[in-house]
PDB file of N, CA and C in Angstrom:
ATOM      1  N   MET A   1      74.300 205.483 162.318  1.00  0.00           N
ATOM      2  CA  MET A   1      73.129 206.045 162.946  1.00  0.00           C
ATOM      3  C   MET A   1      73.492 207.343 163.684  1.00  0.00           C
ATOM      4  N   GLY A   2      74.678 207.443 164.193  1.00  0.00           N
ATOM      5  CA  GLY A   2      75.110 208.637 164.907  1.00  0.00           C
ATOM      6  C   GLY A   2      75.163 209.852 164.017  1.00  0.00           C
ATOM      7  N   THR A   3      75.614 209.680 162.761  1.00  0.00           N
ATOM      8  CA  THR A   3      75.694 210.836 161.854  1.00  0.00           C
ATOM      9  C   THR A   3      74.305 211.307 161.433  1.00  0.00           C
ATOM     10  N   ASP A   4      73.360 210.380 161.269  1.00  0.00           N
ATOM     11  CA  ASP A   4      71.986 210.770 160.939  1.00  0.00           C
ATOM     12  C   ASP A   4      71.381 211.603 162.064  1.00  0.00           C
ATOM     13  N   LEU A   5      71.617 211.175 163.270  1.00  0.00           N
ATOM     14  CA  LEU A   5      71.105 211.899 164.425  1.00  0.00           C
ATOM     15  C   LEU A   5      71.745 213.285 164.529  1.00  0.00           C
ATOM     16  N   GLU A   6      73.041 213.356 164.257  1.00  0.00           N
ATOM     17  CA  GLU A   6      73.734 214.636 164.290  1.00  0.00           C
ATOM     18  C   GLU A   6      73.189 215.582 163.222  1.00  0.00           C
ATOM     19  N   ARG A   7      72.935 215.070 162.026  1.00  0.00           N
ATOM     20  CA  ARG A   7      72.379 215.890 160.951  1.00  0.00           C
ATOM     21  C   ARG A   7      70.984 216.396 161.303  1.00  0.00           C
ATOM     22  N   THR A   8      70.194 215.536 161.900  1.00  0.00           N
ATOM     23  CA  THR A   8      68.848 215.926 162.313  1.00  0.00           C
ATOM     24  C   THR A   8      68.907 217.014 163.370  1.00  0.00           C
ATOM     25  N   MET A   9      69.777 216.856 164.340  1.00  0.00           N
ATOM     26  CA  MET A   9      69.923 217.860 165.395  1.00  0.00           C
ATOM     27  C   MET A   9      70.410 219.186 164.812  1.00  0.00           C
ATOM     28  N   GLN A  10      71.330 219.127 163.873  1.00  0.00           N
ATOM     29  CA  GLN A  10      71.842 220.332 163.230  1.00  0.00           C
ATOM     30  C   GLN A  10      70.717 221.037 162.470  1.00  0.00           C
ATOM     31  N   SER A  11      69.901 220.278 161.781  1.00  0.00           N
ATOM     32  CA  SER A  11      68.774 220.840 161.043  1.00  0.00           C
ATOM     33  C   SER A  11      67.783 221.502 161.996  1.00  0.00           C
ATOM     34  N   LEU A  12      67.508 220.863 163.122  1.00  0.00           N
ATOM     35  CA  LEU A  12      66.593 221.439 164.108  1.00  0.00           C
ATOM     36  C   LEU A  12      67.155 222.734 164.692  1.00  0.00           C
ATOM     37  N   ARG A  13      68.456 222.785 164.922  1.00  0.00           N
ATOM     38  CA  ARG A  13      69.076 224.003 165.440  1.00  0.00           C
ATOM     39  C   ARG A  13      68.943 225.149 164.436  1.00  0.00           C
ATOM     40  N   LEU A  14      69.086 224.839 163.149  1.00  0.00           N
ATOM     41  CA  LEU A  14      68.944 225.868 162.110  1.00  0.00           C
ATOM     42  C   LEU A  14      67.513 226.406 162.073  1.00  0.00           C
ATOM     43  N   VAL A  15      66.543 225.517 162.173  1.00  0.00           N
ATOM     44  CA  VAL A  15      65.141 225.937 162.182  1.00  0.00           C
ATOM     45  C   VAL A  15      64.885 226.802 163.399  1.00  0.00           C
ATOM     46  N   SER A  16      65.392 226.393 164.537  1.00  0.00           N
ATOM     47  CA  SER A  16      65.201 227.155 165.764  1.00  0.00           C
ATOM     48  C   SER A  16      65.824 228.543 165.656  1.00  0.00           C
ATOM     49  N   LYS A  17      67.024 228.630 165.088  1.00  0.00           N
ATOM     50  CA  LYS A  17      67.686 229.928 164.920  1.00  0.00           C
ATOM     51  C   LYS A  17      66.910 230.813 163.953  1.00  0.00           C
ATOM     52  N   SER A  18      66.371 230.232 162.891  1.00  0.00           N
ATOM     53  CA  SER A  18      65.583 230.997 161.923  1.00  0.00           C
ATOM     54  C   SER A  18      64.326 231.549 162.580  1.00  0.00           C
ATOM     55  N   GLU A  19      63.635 230.709 163.334  1.00  0.00           N
ATOM     56  CA  GLU A  19      62.431 231.163 164.012  1.00  0.00           C
ATOM     57  C   GLU A  19      62.762 232.266 165.008  1.00  0.00           C
ATOM     58  N   GLN A  20      63.831 232.086 165.747  1.00  0.00           N
ATOM     59  CA  GLN A  20      64.228 233.088 166.724  1.00  0.00           C
ATOM     60  C   GLN A  20      64.568 234.415 166.044  1.00  0.00           C
ATOM     61  N   ALA A  21      65.221 234.356 164.889  1.00  0.00           N
ATOM     62  CA  ALA A  21      65.566 235.578 164.155  1.00  0.00           C
ATOM     63  C   ALA A  21      64.300 236.310 163.701  1.00  0.00           C
ATOM     64  N   GLY A  22      63.307 235.577 163.235  1.00  0.00           N
ATOM     65  CA  GLY A  22      62.040 236.191 162.825  1.00  0.00           C
ATOM     66  C   GLY A  22      61.302 236.813 163.994  1.00  0.00           C
ATOM     67  N   ILE A  23      61.288 236.115 165.118  1.00  0.00           N
ATOM     68  CA  ILE A  23      60.622 236.617 166.321  1.00  0.00           C
ATOM     69  C   ILE A  23      61.326 237.873 166.829  1.00  0.00           C
ATOM     70  N   GLU A  24      62.651 237.851 166.860  1.00  0.00           N
ATOM     71  CA  GLU A  24      63.401 239.016 167.322  1.00  0.00           C
ATOM     72  C   GLU A  24      63.181 240.215 166.403  1.00  0.00           C
ATOM     73  N   ALA A  25      63.118 239.971 165.100  1.00  0.00           N
ATOM     74  CA  ALA A  25      62.875 241.059 164.155  1.00  0.00           C
ATOM     75  C   ALA A  25      61.500 241.675 164.412  1.00  0.00           C
ATOM     76  N   TRP A  26      60.486 240.847 164.625  1.00  0.00           N
ATOM     77  CA  TRP A  26      59.145 241.362 164.917  1.00  0.00           C
ATOM     78  C   TRP A  26      59.169 242.215 166.187  1.00  0.00           C
ATOM     79  N   ASN A  27      59.776 241.690 167.238  1.00  0.00           N
ATOM     80  CA  ASN A  27      59.804 242.403 168.514  1.00  0.00           C
ATOM     81  C   ASN A  27      60.573 243.714 168.431  1.00  0.00           C
ATOM     82  N   THR A  28      61.515 243.813 167.531  1.00  0.00           N
ATOM     83  CA  THR A  28      62.329 245.019 167.386  1.00  0.00           C
ATOM     84  C   THR A  28      61.639 246.071 166.531  1.00  0.00           C
ATOM     85  N   VAL A  29      61.017 245.661 165.439  1.00  0.00           N
ATOM     86  CA  VAL A  29      60.500 246.600 164.443  1.00  0.00           C
ATOM     87  C   VAL A  29      59.080 247.075 164.736  1.00  0.00           C
ATOM     88  N   VAL A  30      58.249 246.219 165.256  1.00  0.00           N
ATOM     89  CA  VAL A  30      56.832 246.560 165.437  1.00  0.00           C
ATOM     90  C   VAL A  30      56.696 247.711 166.445  1.00  0.00           C
ATOM     91  N   PRO A  31      55.769 248.639 166.208  1.00  0.00           N
ATOM     92  CA  PRO A  31      55.570 249.741 167.162  1.00  0.00           C
ATOM     93  C   PRO A  31      55.203 249.221 168.553  1.00  0.00           C
ATOM     94  N   ASP A  32      55.562 249.994 169.569  1.00  0.00           N
ATOM     95  CA  ASP A  32      55.380 249.561 170.955  1.00  0.00           C
ATOM     96  C   ASP A  32      53.938 249.193 171.287  1.00  0.00           C
ATOM     97  N   ASP A  33      52.964 249.972 170.807  1.00  0.00           N
ATOM     98  CA  ASP A  33      51.571 249.659 171.135  1.00  0.00           C
ATOM     99  C   ASP A  33      51.133 248.314 170.563  1.00  0.00           C
ATOM    100  N   LEU A  34      51.657 247.941 169.398  1.00  0.00           N
ATOM    101  CA  LEU A  34      51.356 246.621 168.832  1.00  0.00           C
ATOM    102  C   LEU A  34      52.187 245.528 169.497  1.00  0.00           C
ATOM    103  N   ASN A  35      53.411 245.854 169.833  1.00  0.00           N
ATOM    104  CA  ASN A  35      54.296 244.872 170.454  1.00  0.00           C
ATOM    105  C   ASN A  35      53.731 244.378 171.776  1.00  0.00           C
ATOM    106  N   GLU A  36      53.077 245.271 172.524  1.00  0.00           N
ATOM    107  CA  GLU A  36      52.499 244.899 173.812  1.00  0.00           C
ATOM    108  C   GLU A  36      51.315 243.954 173.660  1.00  0.00           C
ATOM    109  N   GLN A  37      50.680 243.954 172.498  1.00  0.00           N
ATOM    110  CA  GLN A  37      49.452 243.183 172.316  1.00  0.00           C
ATOM    111  C   GLN A  37      49.599 241.991 171.377  1.00  0.00           C
ATOM    112  N   THR A  38      50.777 241.795 170.810  1.00  0.00           N
ATOM    113  CA  THR A  38      50.982 240.698 169.862  1.00  0.00           C
ATOM    114  C   THR A  38      52.134 239.809 170.310  1.00  0.00           C
ATOM    115  N   ASP A  39      52.142 238.598 169.790  1.00  0.00           N
ATOM    116  CA  ASP A  39      53.230 237.657 170.045  1.00  0.00           C
ATOM    117  C   ASP A  39      53.605 236.976 168.743  1.00  0.00           C
ATOM    118  N   ALA A  40      54.864 237.117 168.352  1.00  0.00           N
ATOM    119  CA  ALA A  40      55.353 236.362 167.196  1.00  0.00           C
ATOM    120  C   ALA A  40      55.631 234.947 167.688  1.00  0.00           C
ATOM    121  N   LEU A  41      55.077 233.967 167.002  1.00  0.00           N
ATOM    122  CA  LEU A  41      55.176 232.579 167.453  1.00  0.00           C
ATOM    123  C   LEU A  41      56.263 231.785 166.741  1.00  0.00           C
ATOM    124  N   GLY A  42      56.522 232.108 165.475  1.00  0.00           N
ATOM    125  CA  GLY A  42      57.531 231.365 164.734  1.00  0.00           C
ATOM    126  C   GLY A  42      57.363 231.534 163.239  1.00  0.00           C
ATOM    127  N   LEU A  43      58.148 230.778 162.493  1.00  0.00           N
ATOM    128  CA  LEU A  43      58.135 230.829 161.030  1.00  0.00           C
ATOM    129  C   LEU A  43      57.620 229.515 160.461  1.00  0.00           C
ATOM    130  N   ASP A  44      56.879 229.621 159.367  1.00  0.00           N
ATOM    131  CA  ASP A  44      56.421 228.447 158.642  1.00  0.00           C
ATOM    132  C   ASP A  44      56.590 228.726 157.158  1.00  0.00           C
ATOM    133  N   ARG A  45      57.623 228.154 156.549  1.00  0.00           N
ATOM    134  CA  ARG A  45      57.923 228.319 155.127  1.00  0.00           C
ATOM    135  C   ARG A  45      57.948 229.784 154.699  1.00  0.00           C
ATOM    136  N   GLY A  46      58.648 230.601 155.454  1.00  0.00           N
ATOM    137  CA  GLY A  46      58.802 231.999 155.099  1.00  0.00           C
ATOM    138  C   GLY A  46      57.679 232.897 155.565  1.00  0.00           C
ATOM    139  N   ARG A  47      56.734 232.347 156.285  1.00  0.00           N
ATOM    140  CA  ARG A  47      55.606 233.126 156.793  1.00  0.00           C
ATOM    141  C   ARG A  47      55.751 233.252 158.305  1.00  0.00           C
ATOM    142  N   LEU A  48      55.798 234.477 158.804  1.00  0.00           N
ATOM    143  CA  LEU A  48      55.890 234.713 160.234  1.00  0.00           C
ATOM    144  C   LEU A  48      54.496 234.619 160.828  1.00  0.00           C
ATOM    145  N   ILE A  49      54.322 233.769 161.839  1.00  0.00           N
ATOM    146  CA  ILE A  49      53.033 233.570 162.493  1.00  0.00           C
ATOM    147  C   ILE A  49      52.990 234.473 163.718  1.00  0.00           C
ATOM    148  N   VAL A  50      51.952 235.325 163.791  1.00  0.00           N
ATOM    149  CA  VAL A  50      51.806 236.277 164.886  1.00  0.00           C
ATOM    150  C   VAL A  50      50.427 236.098 165.521  1.00  0.00           C
ATOM    151  N   ARG A  51      50.404 236.017 166.846  1.00  0.00           N
ATOM    152  CA  ARG A  51      49.147 235.896 167.586  1.00  0.00           C
ATOM    153  C   ARG A  51      48.664 237.298 167.974  1.00  0.00           C
ATOM    154  N   VAL A  52      47.387 237.579 167.700  1.00  0.00           N
ATOM    155  CA  VAL A  52      46.767 238.855 168.066  1.00  0.00           C
ATOM    156  C   VAL A  52      45.513 238.559 168.887  1.00  0.00           C
ATOM    157  N   PRO A  53      45.134 239.467 169.809  1.00  0.00           N
ATOM    158  CA  PRO A  53      43.998 239.183 170.685  1.00  0.00           C
ATOM    159  C   PRO A  53      42.626 239.497 170.091  1.00  0.00           C
ATOM    160  N   SER A  54      42.580 240.298 169.016  1.00  0.00           N
ATOM    161  CA  SER A  54      41.269 240.684 168.473  1.00  0.00           C
ATOM    162  C   SER A  54      41.401 241.107 167.010  1.00  0.00           C
ATOM    163  N   ALA A  55      40.239 241.227 166.378  1.00  0.00           N
ATOM    164  CA  ALA A  55      40.213 241.675 164.988  1.00  0.00           C
ATOM    165  C   ALA A  55      40.684 243.123 164.871  1.00  0.00           C
ATOM    166  N   ALA A  56      40.409 243.933 165.892  1.00  0.00           N
ATOM    167  CA  ALA A  56      40.834 245.333 165.860  1.00  0.00           C
ATOM    168  C   ALA A  56      42.355 245.446 165.849  1.00  0.00           C
ATOM    169  N   ILE A  57      43.016 244.638 166.652  1.00  0.00           N
ATOM    170  CA  ILE A  57      44.483 244.656 166.697  1.00  0.00           C
ATOM    171  C   ILE A  57      45.035 244.068 165.408  1.00  0.00           C
ATOM    172  N   ARG A  58      44.372 243.059 164.870  1.00  0.00           N
ATOM    173  CA  ARG A  58      44.799 242.488 163.594  1.00  0.00           C
ATOM    174  C   ARG A  58      44.726 243.547 162.492  1.00  0.00           C
ATOM    175  N   TYR A  59      43.658 244.327 162.470  1.00  0.00           N
ATOM    176  CA  TYR A  59      43.494 245.400 161.491  1.00  0.00           C
ATOM    177  C   TYR A  59      44.611 246.430 161.633  1.00  0.00           C
ATOM    178  N   LYS A  60      44.897 246.807 162.861  1.00  0.00           N
ATOM    179  CA  LYS A  60      45.947 247.791 163.128  1.00  0.00           C
ATOM    180  C   LYS A  60      47.313 247.264 162.669  1.00  0.00           C
ATOM    181  N   ALA A  61      47.596 246.004 162.979  1.00  0.00           N
ATOM    182  CA  ALA A  61      48.868 245.400 162.577  1.00  0.00           C
ATOM    183  C   ALA A  61      48.954 245.266 161.059  1.00  0.00           C
ATOM    184  N   ASP A  62      47.843 244.907 160.426  1.00  0.00           N
ATOM    185  CA  ASP A  62      47.814 244.770 158.975  1.00  0.00           C
ATOM    186  C   ASP A  62      48.076 246.119 158.305  1.00  0.00           C
ATOM    187  N   ASN A  63      47.492 247.180 158.820  1.00  0.00           N
ATOM    188  CA  ASN A  63      47.745 248.523 158.279  1.00  0.00           C
ATOM    189  C   ASN A  63      49.205 248.910 158.442  1.00  0.00           C
ATOM    190  N   TRP A  64      49.797 248.574 159.581  1.00  0.00           N
ATOM    191  CA  TRP A  64      51.214 248.877 159.796  1.00  0.00           C
ATOM    192  C   TRP A  64      52.085 248.104 158.803  1.00  0.00           C
ATOM    193  N   LEU A  65      51.768 246.834 158.597  1.00  0.00           N
ATOM    194  CA  LEU A  65      52.538 246.019 157.653  1.00  0.00           C
ATOM    195  C   LEU A  65      52.430 246.574 156.235  1.00  0.00           C
ATOM    196  N   ARG A  66      51.233 246.947 155.811  1.00  0.00           N
ATOM    197  CA  ARG A  66      51.018 247.483 154.458  1.00  0.00           C
ATOM    198  C   ARG A  66      51.649 248.859 154.275  1.00  0.00           C
ATOM    199  N   GLY A  67      51.801 249.582 155.378  1.00  0.00           N
ATOM    200  CA  GLY A  67      52.379 250.918 155.319  1.00  0.00           C
ATOM    201  C   GLY A  67      53.894 250.934 155.361  1.00  0.00           C
ATOM    202  N   GLY A  68      54.526 249.804 155.162  1.00  0.00           N
ATOM    203  CA  GLY A  68      55.983 249.739 155.135  1.00  0.00           C
ATOM    204  C   GLY A  68      56.589 248.872 156.225  1.00  0.00           C
ATOM    205  N   GLY A  69      55.769 248.412 157.131  1.00  0.00           N
ATOM    206  CA  GLY A  69      56.271 247.576 158.219  1.00  0.00           C
ATOM    207  C   GLY A  69      56.833 246.250 157.740  1.00  0.00           C
ATOM    208  N   LEU A  70      56.213 245.657 156.739  1.00  0.00           N
ATOM    209  CA  LEU A  70      56.714 244.384 156.218  1.00  0.00           C
ATOM    210  C   LEU A  70      58.102 244.561 155.636  1.00  0.00           C
ATOM    211  N   GLY A  71      58.313 245.654 154.917  1.00  0.00           N
ATOM    212  CA  GLY A  71      59.644 245.935 154.359  1.00  0.00           C
ATOM    213  C   GLY A  71      60.690 246.100 155.447  1.00  0.00           C
ATOM    214  N   GLU A  72      60.321 246.806 156.521  1.00  0.00           N
ATOM    215  CA  GLU A  72      61.245 246.980 157.643  1.00  0.00           C
ATOM    216  C   GLU A  72      61.562 245.638 158.282  1.00  0.00           C
ATOM    217  N   LEU A  73      60.538 244.827 158.450  1.00  0.00           N
ATOM    218  CA  LEU A  73      60.702 243.500 159.045  1.00  0.00           C
ATOM    219  C   LEU A  73      61.616 242.638 158.190  1.00  0.00           C
ATOM    220  N   GLN A  74      61.401 242.652 156.891  1.00  0.00           N
ATOM    221  CA  GLN A  74      62.220 241.856 155.977  1.00  0.00           C
ATOM    222  C   GLN A  74      63.664 242.341 155.961  1.00  0.00           C
ATOM    223  N   ALA A  75      63.862 243.650 156.057  1.00  0.00           N
ATOM    224  CA  ALA A  75      65.214 244.203 156.040  1.00  0.00           C
ATOM    225  C   ALA A  75      65.984 243.849 157.304  1.00  0.00           C
ATOM    226  N   LEU A  76      65.297 243.805 158.437  1.00  0.00           N
ATOM    227  CA  LEU A  76      65.959 243.531 159.704  1.00  0.00           C
ATOM    228  C   LEU A  76      66.181 242.046 159.949  1.00  0.00           C
ATOM    229  N   ALA A  77      65.272 241.216 159.497  1.00  0.00           N
ATOM    230  CA  ALA A  77      65.364 239.779 159.758  1.00  0.00           C
ATOM    231  C   ALA A  77      66.562 239.180 159.041  1.00  0.00           C
ATOM    232  N   ARG A  78      67.172 238.231 159.692  1.00  0.00           N
ATOM    233  CA  ARG A  78      68.305 237.537 159.069  1.00  0.00           C
ATOM    234  C   ARG A  78      67.855 236.316 158.285  1.00  0.00           C
ATOM    235  N   VAL A  79      66.552 236.172 158.158  1.00  0.00           N
ATOM    236  CA  VAL A  79      65.962 235.070 157.398  1.00  0.00           C
ATOM    237  C   VAL A  79      64.910 235.658 156.465  1.00  0.00           C
ATOM    238  N   PRO A  80      64.631 234.990 155.342  1.00  0.00           N
ATOM    239  CA  PRO A  80      63.614 235.520 154.432  1.00  0.00           C
ATOM    240  C   PRO A  80      62.205 235.387 155.018  1.00  0.00           C
ATOM    241  N   ILE A  81      61.481 236.499 155.041  1.00  0.00           N
ATOM    242  CA  ILE A  81      60.087 236.503 155.492  1.00  0.00           C
ATOM    243  C   ILE A  81      59.253 237.006 154.323  1.00  0.00           C
ATOM    244  N   ARG A  82      58.417 236.119 153.778  1.00  0.00           N
ATOM    245  CA  ARG A  82      57.576 236.474 152.639  1.00  0.00           C
ATOM    246  C   ARG A  82      56.335 237.236 153.071  1.00  0.00           C
ATOM    247  N   SER A  83      55.763 236.803 154.205  1.00  0.00           N
ATOM    248  CA  SER A  83      54.505 237.399 154.652  1.00  0.00           C
ATOM    249  C   SER A  83      54.338 237.186 156.146  1.00  0.00           C
ATOM    250  N   VAL A  84      53.279 237.789 156.674  1.00  0.00           N
ATOM    251  CA  VAL A  84      52.944 237.637 158.084  1.00  0.00           C
ATOM    252  C   VAL A  84      51.510 237.130 158.164  1.00  0.00           C
ATOM    253  N   GLN A  85      51.321 236.045 158.883  1.00  0.00           N
ATOM    254  CA  GLN A  85      49.981 235.500 159.093  1.00  0.00           C
ATOM    255  C   GLN A  85      49.593 235.779 160.535  1.00  0.00           C
ATOM    256  N   MET A  86      48.464 236.454 160.714  1.00  0.00           N
ATOM    257  CA  MET A  86      48.011 236.771 162.062  1.00  0.00           C
ATOM    258  C   MET A  86      46.871 235.849 162.460  1.00  0.00           C
ATOM    259  N   LYS A  87      46.999 235.276 163.636  1.00  0.00           N
ATOM    260  CA  LYS A  87      45.974 234.393 164.171  1.00  0.00           C
ATOM    261  C   LYS A  87      45.331 235.076 165.362  1.00  0.00           C
ATOM    262  N   ILE A  88      44.016 235.191 165.315  1.00  0.00           N
ATOM    263  CA  ILE A  88      43.297 235.801 166.425  1.00  0.00           C
ATOM    264  C   ILE A  88      43.073 234.743 167.493  1.00  0.00           C
ATOM    265  N   VAL A  89      43.624 234.996 168.654  1.00  0.00           N
ATOM    266  CA  VAL A  89      43.448 234.106 169.800  1.00  0.00           C
ATOM    267  C   VAL A  89      42.983 234.982 170.950  1.00  0.00           C
ATOM    268  N   ALA A  90      41.698 234.910 171.258  1.00  0.00           N
ATOM    269  CA  ALA A  90      41.142 235.747 172.316  1.00  0.00           C
ATOM    270  C   ALA A  90      41.724 235.340 173.659  1.00  0.00           C
ATOM    271  N   GLN A  91      41.985 236.341 174.464  1.00  0.00           N
ATOM    272  CA  GLN A  91      42.485 236.072 175.807  1.00  0.00           C
ATOM    273  C   GLN A  91      41.312 235.630 176.665  1.00  0.00           C
ATOM    274  N   ASN A  92      41.559 234.660 177.519  1.00  0.00           N
ATOM    275  CA  ASN A  92      40.498 234.173 178.400  1.00  0.00           C
ATOM    276  C   ASN A  92      40.178 235.214 179.454  1.00  0.00           C
ATOM    277  N   ALA A  93      38.892 235.435 179.659  1.00  0.00           N
ATOM    278  CA  ALA A  93      38.463 236.384 180.682  1.00  0.00           C
ATOM    279  C   ALA A  93      38.619 235.734 182.055  1.00  0.00           C
ATOM    280  N   ASP A  94      38.988 236.526 183.015  1.00  0.00           N
ATOM    281  CA  ASP A  94      39.120 236.056 184.377  1.00  0.00           C
ATOM    282  C   ASP A  94      37.724 235.984 184.988  1.00  0.00           C
ATOM    283  N   PRO A  95      37.261 234.795 185.381  1.00  0.00           N
ATOM    284  CA  PRO A  95      35.889 234.670 185.893  1.00  0.00           C
ATOM    285  C   PRO A  95      35.660 235.491 187.162  1.00  0.00           C
ATOM    286  N   LYS A  96      36.694 235.835 187.891  1.00  0.00           N
ATOM    287  CA  LYS A  96      36.536 236.621 189.119  1.00  0.00           C
ATOM    288  C   LYS A  96      36.236 238.081 188.818  1.00  0.00           C
ATOM    289  N   THR A  97      36.701 238.582 187.665  1.00  0.00           N
ATOM    290  CA  THR A  97      36.506 239.996 187.340  1.00  0.00           C
ATOM    291  C   THR A  97      35.540 240.222 186.202  1.00  0.00           C
ATOM    292  N   ASP A  98      35.116 239.187 185.520  1.00  0.00           N
ATOM    293  CA  ASP A  98      34.206 239.334 184.388  1.00  0.00           C
ATOM    294  C   ASP A  98      32.773 239.399 184.908  1.00  0.00           C
ATOM    295  N   SER A  99      32.151 240.573 184.850  1.00  0.00           N
ATOM    296  CA  SER A  99      30.813 240.774 185.416  1.00  0.00           C
ATOM    297  C   SER A  99      29.743 240.002 184.655  1.00  0.00           C
ATOM    298  N   SER A 100      29.963 239.695 183.383  1.00  0.00           N
ATOM    299  CA  SER A 100      28.945 238.967 182.609  1.00  0.00           C
ATOM    300  C   SER A 100      28.821 237.518 183.043  1.00  0.00           C
ATOM    301  N   ARG A 101      29.788 237.010 183.773  1.00  0.00           N
ATOM    302  CA  ARG A 101      29.747 235.616 184.199  1.00  0.00           C
ATOM    303  C   ARG A 101      29.246 235.455 185.623  1.00  0.00           C
ATOM    304  N   ARG A 102      29.016 236.547 186.293  1.00  0.00           N
ATOM    305  CA  ARG A 102      28.580 236.463 187.688  1.00  0.00           C
ATOM    306  C   ARG A 102      27.112 236.020 187.751  1.00  0.00           C
ATOM    307  N   THR A 103      26.824 235.199 188.706  1.00  0.00           N
ATOM    308  CA  THR A 103      25.451 234.765 188.896  1.00  0.00           C
ATOM    309  C   THR A 103      24.802 235.637 189.943  1.00  0.00           C
ATOM    310  N   LYS A 104      23.535 235.867 189.777  1.00  0.00           N
ATOM    311  CA  LYS A 104      22.804 236.743 190.705  1.00  0.00           C
ATOM    312  C   LYS A 104      21.929 235.943 191.611  1.00  0.00           C
TER     313      LYS A 104
END
């Protein structure tokens, strides 16, 4: 049972290192204006998952990827990245500063 547990832990460490390599590659290659607004979350079967705050930022990131960014990302990453999947996750508005939520 000890060797099975060791193999499982070793496998988890490899997955963690792969995800970290993909995240580091994204943070290094992506332009600064996109880097400030996006978060690479991890890898899923060769697909890098990236969180974006809006459709506009997703469009901008997609244009960067199509314009050669994906190639740069793949060249820098120490793991194979087939594609990038962007998930739009809107940031929660602060109820203290959001004027549309104020009651009159």
